[in-house]
Amino acid sequence: MALPRAFRGLELLQPTRDELGQLEALLGRAIDSTSVKILASEGKRFPVVASSFSLSENDWDIFESPFEFRSQFRGAP
């Protein structure tokens, strides 16, 4: 992954055939397209290759750790 620290507007997209081919060349092996998501922001596309994905929204401060246990939903204790 090579991602910016913050996004202004964010889309979760599927990879193009060209992007998938570039990732396969970079990694030296075939990649299932379901293992790739594209994070897009301000006209730039950032590939993420992972065995699984989870997406959620929270209202944490930028400096709060995602590794501390807490509810990610507004209003929850």
N, C-alpha and C. Protein backbone atom coordinates (compact mmCIF):
# COMPACT_ATOMS: atom_id res chain seq x y z
N MET A 1 0.84 -1.18 0.00
CA MET A 1 0.00 0.00 0.00
C MET A 1 0.88 1.24 0.00
N ALA A 2 0.48 2.20 -0.76
CA ALA A 2 1.12 3.51 -0.74
C ALA A 2 -0.02 4.52 -0.77
N LEU A 3 -0.39 4.99 0.41
CA LEU A 3 -1.57 5.86 0.53
C LEU A 3 -1.22 7.17 1.21
N PRO A 4 -1.94 8.24 0.86
CA PRO A 4 -1.74 9.49 1.57
C PRO A 4 -2.31 9.40 2.99
N ARG A 5 -1.91 10.31 3.86
CA ARG A 5 -2.41 10.32 5.24
C ARG A 5 -3.87 10.71 5.33
N ALA A 6 -4.31 11.56 4.44
CA ALA A 6 -5.69 12.03 4.46
C ALA A 6 -6.21 12.12 3.03
N PHE A 7 -7.49 11.93 2.89
CA PHE A 7 -8.16 12.03 1.60
C PHE A 7 -9.16 13.17 1.65
N ARG A 8 -9.34 13.86 0.54
CA ARG A 8 -10.40 14.86 0.40
C ARG A 8 -11.38 14.28 -0.60
N GLY A 9 -12.46 13.72 -0.09
CA GLY A 9 -13.37 12.97 -0.94
C GLY A 9 -12.74 11.62 -1.20
N LEU A 10 -13.53 10.59 -1.16
CA LEU A 10 -12.98 9.24 -1.30
C LEU A 10 -13.98 8.35 -2.01
N GLU A 11 -13.48 7.59 -2.97
CA GLU A 11 -14.30 6.60 -3.65
C GLU A 11 -13.61 5.25 -3.53
N LEU A 12 -14.39 4.19 -3.41
CA LEU A 12 -13.87 2.83 -3.40
C LEU A 12 -14.27 2.21 -4.73
N LEU A 13 -13.26 1.86 -5.55
CA LEU A 13 -13.50 1.40 -6.91
C LEU A 13 -12.86 0.05 -7.17
N GLN A 14 -13.24 -0.56 -8.28
CA GLN A 14 -12.61 -1.79 -8.74
C GLN A 14 -11.42 -1.43 -9.64
N PRO A 15 -10.41 -2.28 -9.72
CA PRO A 15 -9.25 -1.98 -10.57
C PRO A 15 -9.59 -2.14 -12.04
N THR A 16 -8.90 -1.37 -12.87
CA THR A 16 -9.00 -1.57 -14.32
C THR A 16 -8.12 -2.76 -14.69
N ARG A 17 -8.26 -3.24 -15.90
CA ARG A 17 -7.39 -4.34 -16.36
C ARG A 17 -5.93 -3.90 -16.37
N ASP A 18 -5.69 -2.65 -16.77
CA ASP A 18 -4.31 -2.14 -16.78
C ASP A 18 -3.72 -2.09 -15.37
N GLU A 19 -4.51 -1.61 -14.41
CA GLU A 19 -4.02 -1.55 -13.02
C GLU A 19 -3.73 -2.95 -12.49
N LEU A 20 -4.61 -3.88 -12.79
CA LEU A 20 -4.40 -5.26 -12.34
C LEU A 20 -3.12 -5.83 -12.96
N GLY A 21 -2.90 -5.57 -14.25
CA GLY A 21 -1.68 -6.03 -14.92
C GLY A 21 -0.43 -5.42 -14.32
N GLN A 22 -0.48 -4.13 -13.99
CA GLN A 22 0.67 -3.46 -13.38
C GLN A 22 0.98 -4.05 -12.00
N LEU A 23 -0.07 -4.34 -11.23
CA LEU A 23 0.14 -4.93 -9.91
C LEU A 23 0.71 -6.34 -10.02
N GLU A 24 0.22 -7.11 -10.97
CA GLU A 24 0.74 -8.46 -11.17
C GLU A 24 2.22 -8.42 -11.57
N ALA A 25 2.59 -7.47 -12.43
CA ALA A 25 4.00 -7.33 -12.84
C ALA A 25 4.86 -6.92 -11.64
N LEU A 26 4.34 -6.02 -10.82
CA LEU A 26 5.07 -5.55 -9.64
C LEU A 26 5.28 -6.67 -8.63
N LEU A 27 4.24 -7.47 -8.41
CA LEU A 27 4.30 -8.54 -7.40
C LEU A 27 4.85 -9.85 -7.96
N GLY A 28 4.91 -9.97 -9.28
CA GLY A 28 5.47 -11.17 -9.88
C GLY A 28 4.58 -12.38 -9.82
N ARG A 29 3.28 -12.16 -9.72
CA ARG A 29 2.35 -13.30 -9.69
C ARG A 29 0.96 -12.83 -10.07
N ALA A 30 0.10 -13.78 -10.42
CA ALA A 30 -1.28 -13.45 -10.76
C ALA A 30 -2.04 -13.02 -9.51
N ILE A 31 -2.95 -12.08 -9.68
CA ILE A 31 -3.74 -11.57 -8.55
C ILE A 31 -5.21 -11.67 -8.92
N ASP A 32 -6.01 -12.20 -8.02
CA ASP A 32 -7.46 -12.24 -8.20
C ASP A 32 -7.99 -10.82 -8.06
N SER A 33 -8.79 -10.37 -9.01
CA SER A 33 -9.28 -8.99 -8.98
C SER A 33 -10.11 -8.69 -7.73
N THR A 34 -10.67 -9.71 -7.09
CA THR A 34 -11.44 -9.48 -5.86
C THR A 34 -10.53 -9.12 -4.68
N SER A 35 -9.22 -9.31 -4.84
CA SER A 35 -8.26 -8.97 -3.79
C SER A 35 -7.74 -7.55 -3.92
N VAL A 36 -8.23 -6.81 -4.91
CA VAL A 36 -7.74 -5.46 -5.17
C VAL A 36 -8.88 -4.46 -5.10
N LYS A 37 -8.68 -3.40 -4.37
CA LYS A 37 -9.60 -2.26 -4.33
C LYS A 37 -8.79 -1.02 -4.68
N ILE A 38 -9.44 -0.06 -5.28
CA ILE A 38 -8.81 1.20 -5.63
C ILE A 38 -9.44 2.29 -4.78
N LEU A 39 -8.62 3.00 -4.02
CA LEU A 39 -9.08 4.18 -3.30
C LEU A 39 -8.79 5.37 -4.21
N ALA A 40 -9.82 6.13 -4.55
CA ALA A 40 -9.66 7.26 -5.47
C ALA A 40 -10.02 8.55 -4.76
N SER A 41 -9.17 9.57 -4.97
CA SER A 41 -9.37 10.87 -4.35
C SER A 41 -8.70 11.93 -5.20
N GLU A 42 -9.41 13.00 -5.46
CA GLU A 42 -8.88 14.14 -6.20
C GLU A 42 -8.21 13.72 -7.51
N GLY A 43 -8.84 12.80 -8.23
CA GLY A 43 -8.32 12.37 -9.53
C GLY A 43 -7.17 11.40 -9.49
N LYS A 44 -6.74 10.98 -8.31
CA LYS A 44 -5.64 10.02 -8.17
C LYS A 44 -6.21 8.69 -7.69
N ARG A 45 -5.59 7.60 -8.13
CA ARG A 45 -6.04 6.25 -7.79
C ARG A 45 -4.93 5.54 -7.02
N PHE A 46 -5.30 4.89 -5.91
CA PHE A 46 -4.34 4.22 -5.04
C PHE A 46 -4.76 2.76 -4.86
N PRO A 47 -4.00 1.81 -5.40
CA PRO A 47 -4.38 0.40 -5.27
C PRO A 47 -4.06 -0.16 -3.89
N VAL A 48 -4.94 -1.03 -3.43
CA VAL A 48 -4.74 -1.77 -2.18
C VAL A 48 -4.98 -3.24 -2.49
N VAL A 49 -3.98 -4.08 -2.22
CA VAL A 49 -4.10 -5.52 -2.42
C VAL A 49 -4.17 -6.16 -1.05
N ALA A 50 -5.24 -6.90 -0.78
CA ALA A 50 -5.43 -7.51 0.54
C ALA A 50 -6.30 -8.76 0.42
N SER A 51 -6.16 -9.65 1.37
CA SER A 51 -6.98 -10.87 1.36
C SER A 51 -8.42 -10.59 1.77
N SER A 52 -8.65 -9.52 2.54
CA SER A 52 -10.01 -9.13 2.91
C SER A 52 -10.05 -7.62 3.14
N PHE A 53 -11.24 -7.06 3.06
CA PHE A 53 -11.44 -5.62 3.24
C PHE A 53 -12.56 -5.37 4.22
N SER A 54 -12.45 -4.30 4.94
CA SER A 54 -13.51 -3.83 5.83
C SER A 54 -13.53 -2.31 5.73
N LEU A 55 -14.69 -1.75 5.59
CA LEU A 55 -14.81 -0.30 5.46
C LEU A 55 -15.80 0.20 6.49
N SER A 56 -15.41 1.21 7.26
CA SER A 56 -16.31 1.80 8.24
C SER A 56 -15.98 3.28 8.39
N GLU A 57 -16.93 4.02 8.89
CA GLU A 57 -16.76 5.44 9.11
C GLU A 57 -16.75 5.71 10.60
N ASN A 58 -15.94 6.66 11.03
CA ASN A 58 -15.92 7.02 12.44
C ASN A 58 -15.72 8.52 12.57
N ASP A 59 -15.80 8.99 13.80
CA ASP A 59 -15.61 10.42 14.04
C ASP A 59 -14.40 10.68 14.94
N TRP A 60 -13.42 9.80 14.87
CA TRP A 60 -12.23 9.93 15.70
C TRP A 60 -11.37 11.09 15.22
N ASP A 61 -10.58 11.61 16.12
CA ASP A 61 -9.58 12.61 15.79
C ASP A 61 -8.49 11.94 14.96
N ILE A 62 -7.82 12.69 14.13
CA ILE A 62 -6.78 12.13 13.26
C ILE A 62 -5.65 11.47 14.06
N PHE A 63 -5.44 11.88 15.30
CA PHE A 63 -4.35 11.33 16.10
C PHE A 63 -4.78 10.19 17.03
N GLU A 64 -6.05 9.80 17.02
CA GLU A 64 -6.50 8.68 17.84
C GLU A 64 -6.08 7.37 17.19
N SER A 65 -5.69 6.42 18.00
CA SER A 65 -5.22 5.13 17.50
C SER A 65 -6.39 4.21 17.15
N PRO A 66 -6.36 3.61 15.98
CA PRO A 66 -7.40 2.65 15.62
C PRO A 66 -7.22 1.32 16.35
N PHE A 67 -6.12 1.16 17.08
CA PHE A 67 -5.85 -0.09 17.76
C PHE A 67 -6.36 -0.12 19.20
N GLU A 68 -6.86 1.00 19.70
CA GLU A 68 -7.47 1.03 21.02
C GLU A 68 -8.92 0.60 20.88
N PHE A 69 -9.41 -0.19 21.82
CA PHE A 69 -10.80 -0.65 21.74
C PHE A 69 -11.75 0.51 22.02
N ARG A 70 -12.71 0.68 21.13
CA ARG A 70 -13.78 1.65 21.30
C ARG A 70 -14.80 1.40 20.21
N SER A 71 -15.98 1.90 20.40
CA SER A 71 -16.99 1.77 19.37
C SER A 71 -16.69 2.77 18.28
N GLN A 72 -16.85 2.36 17.05
CA GLN A 72 -16.59 3.26 15.93
C GLN A 72 -17.82 4.03 15.50
N PHE A 73 -18.93 3.80 16.16
CA PHE A 73 -20.17 4.44 15.74
C PHE A 73 -20.54 5.59 16.65
N ARG A 74 -21.02 6.65 16.08
CA ARG A 74 -21.42 7.84 16.84
C ARG A 74 -22.49 7.48 17.89
N GLY A 75 -22.35 8.03 19.06
CA GLY A 75 -23.35 7.86 20.09
C GLY A 75 -23.23 6.57 20.88
N ALA A 76 -22.38 5.66 20.47
CA ALA A 76 -22.22 4.41 21.20
C ALA A 76 -21.21 4.62 22.33
N PRO A 77 -21.39 3.94 23.44
CA PRO A 77 -20.44 4.10 24.56
C PRO A 77 -19.07 3.53 24.25
